[in-house]
Structure formats: structure tokens, C-alpha cells
């Protein structure tokens, strides 16, 4: 099964410590085991655009869609046999400690 892992900031998490940031190791392990198909960091929220269509009119605003302390910082597409397996992979990501990660199964159109 495939899962989307959203990598997010979280102001309530422990402070970031570059010495403990093992993202290179996490990516290498996940790639070598075939449990990660793709992943990227995202540009900062200040460079985001939110797009809405209301009554046929397109509205584009600067920034994220909501004023939250948690912002999406990146994503990964994981492969695991179950949601629990994907959560175990996600728990090893450094942002699970310095931020938060959200894991969701893909729900393909039929």
C-alpha cells in the first residue's frame, strides 16, 4: 500500500537540534528498503498561493490557507504493508521529534 506522509512544523515540539537531525540516514534507509518512493522539502509558506474558485471566479491569495502554528514543510510517499507499518517508518523521521508527521493511506478513485 502507498501512504502520504506530510512533514509539518509544530511549535510544541522539542527545539530543533541540527546535531540530532538524521534526515540523511532516514532517507538512505527508507530508499534502500524500498519503503520510500519520493519525497521533497517544500518552499516556505510565505511563497505559497492558495487557490479558490467561488461562483466561477478564481481567487488567489498569498500564503497558506489557514493561520496555524503547524505548516507543511515537506512530504514523502511511503510503501508499507499496513498503516501501522507506515507509522513505524514515519516515527523514525527526525521531524517526528522536531515537528510532527501525518500519515494517510491513498484512497484511489475507482
Protein backbone atom coordinates (compact mmCIF):
# COMPACT_ATOMS: atom_id res chain seq x y z
CA UNK A 1 0.00 0.00 0.00
CA UNK A 2 1.05 3.58 -0.56
CA UNK A 3 0.84 6.32 2.06
CA UNK A 4 1.35 10.07 2.03
CA UNK A 5 3.48 11.34 4.88
CA UNK A 6 3.12 15.06 5.49
CA UNK A 7 6.10 16.54 7.30
CA UNK A 8 4.96 19.50 9.39
CA UNK A 9 6.31 22.07 11.77
CA UNK A 10 4.92 22.10 15.30
CA UNK A 11 5.65 24.89 17.77
CA UNK A 12 5.04 22.50 20.69
CA UNK A 13 7.80 20.07 19.61
CA UNK A 14 11.26 19.92 21.11
CA UNK A 15 13.60 22.61 19.77
CA UNK A 16 15.42 21.75 16.55
CA UNK A 17 18.97 20.48 17.07
CA UNK A 18 21.00 20.10 13.88
CA UNK A 19 23.27 17.58 15.60
CA UNK A 20 20.29 15.25 16.05
CA UNK A 21 18.86 15.75 12.56
CA UNK A 22 19.45 12.38 10.92
CA UNK A 23 17.40 13.05 7.79
CA UNK A 24 20.16 11.74 5.51
CA UNK A 25 20.20 8.43 7.37
CA UNK A 26 16.39 8.22 7.35
CA UNK A 27 16.22 8.83 3.59
CA UNK A 28 19.02 6.36 2.87
CA UNK A 29 17.38 3.62 4.97
CA UNK A 30 13.89 4.21 3.58
CA UNK A 31 15.19 4.31 0.00
CA UNK A 32 17.33 1.20 0.41
CA UNK A 33 14.41 -0.83 1.80
CA UNK A 34 12.01 0.40 -0.89
CA UNK A 35 9.71 1.96 1.70
CA UNK A 36 10.04 5.48 0.23
CA UNK A 37 9.10 6.25 -3.36
CA UNK A 38 9.53 10.02 -3.38
CA UNK A 39 9.98 12.91 -1.01
CA UNK A 40 10.83 16.59 -1.09
CA UNK A 41 11.07 19.60 1.13
CA UNK A 42 8.68 22.40 0.25
CA UNK A 43 9.39 26.10 -0.16
CA UNK A 44 8.35 28.19 2.83
CA UNK A 45 4.73 29.09 3.43
CA UNK A 46 5.48 32.70 2.50
CA UNK A 47 5.90 31.51 -1.10
CA UNK A 48 2.62 29.57 -1.11
CA UNK A 49 -0.52 30.53 -3.02
CA UNK A 50 -3.98 29.42 -2.01
CA UNK A 51 -6.41 28.99 -4.91
CA UNK A 52 -10.19 29.01 -4.59
CA UNK A 53 -12.97 29.04 -7.17
CA UNK A 54 -16.24 30.53 -5.94
CA UNK A 55 -19.19 31.11 -8.26
CA UNK A 56 -16.85 30.56 -11.21
CA UNK A 57 -14.36 33.24 -10.11
CA UNK A 58 -10.76 32.28 -9.33
CA UNK A 59 -9.30 33.82 -6.18
CA UNK A 60 -5.59 33.55 -5.41
CA UNK A 61 -4.18 34.67 -2.07
CA UNK A 62 -0.65 34.67 -0.72
CA UNK A 63 0.38 32.17 1.91
CA UNK A 64 -1.16 29.02 3.36
CA UNK A 65 -4.91 28.53 3.58
CA UNK A 66 -5.02 28.91 7.37
CA UNK A 67 -3.16 30.76 10.09
CA UNK A 68 -1.75 27.86 12.07
CA UNK A 69 1.38 27.15 14.02
CA UNK A 70 1.75 23.90 12.09
CA UNK A 71 2.83 24.26 8.47
CA UNK A 72 3.52 21.60 5.87
CA UNK A 73 7.29 21.56 5.32
CA UNK A 74 7.59 18.53 3.04
CA UNK A 75 6.19 15.19 2.06
CA UNK A 76 7.15 11.60 1.36
CA UNK A 77 5.32 8.79 -0.38
CA UNK A 78 5.81 5.63 1.64
CA UNK A 79 5.22 1.97 0.81
CA UNK A 80 4.20 -0.38 3.62
CA UNK A 81 2.01 -3.41 4.18
CA UNK A 82 -0.24 -1.52 6.61
CA UNK A 83 -0.90 1.83 8.22
CA UNK A 84 0.94 0.58 11.28
CA UNK A 85 3.98 -0.21 9.13
CA UNK A 86 3.89 3.27 7.58
CA UNK A 87 3.62 4.81 11.06
CA UNK A 88 6.71 2.85 12.14
CA UNK A 89 8.64 4.27 9.17
CA UNK A 90 7.36 7.80 9.90
CA UNK A 91 8.30 7.56 13.58
CA UNK A 92 11.97 7.32 12.58
CA UNK A 93 11.84 10.62 10.64
CA UNK A 94 13.58 13.44 12.55
CA UNK A 95 10.57 15.72 12.15
CA UNK A 96 8.52 13.29 14.23
CA UNK A 97 10.68 14.67 17.06
CA UNK A 98 11.23 18.29 15.91
CA UNK A 99 7.76 18.77 14.40
CA UNK A 100 5.10 16.26 13.50
CA UNK A 101 4.33 13.87 10.67
CA UNK A 102 0.90 12.84 9.43
CA UNK A 103 0.44 9.53 7.62
CA UNK A 104 -2.54 8.83 5.36
CA UNK A 105 -3.32 5.92 3.07
CA UNK A 106 -4.05 6.74 -0.55
CA UNK A 107 -7.74 6.33 -1.38
CA UNK A 108 -7.70 5.77 -5.15
CA UNK A 109 -10.64 6.62 -7.38
CA UNK A 110 -12.45 3.54 -8.57
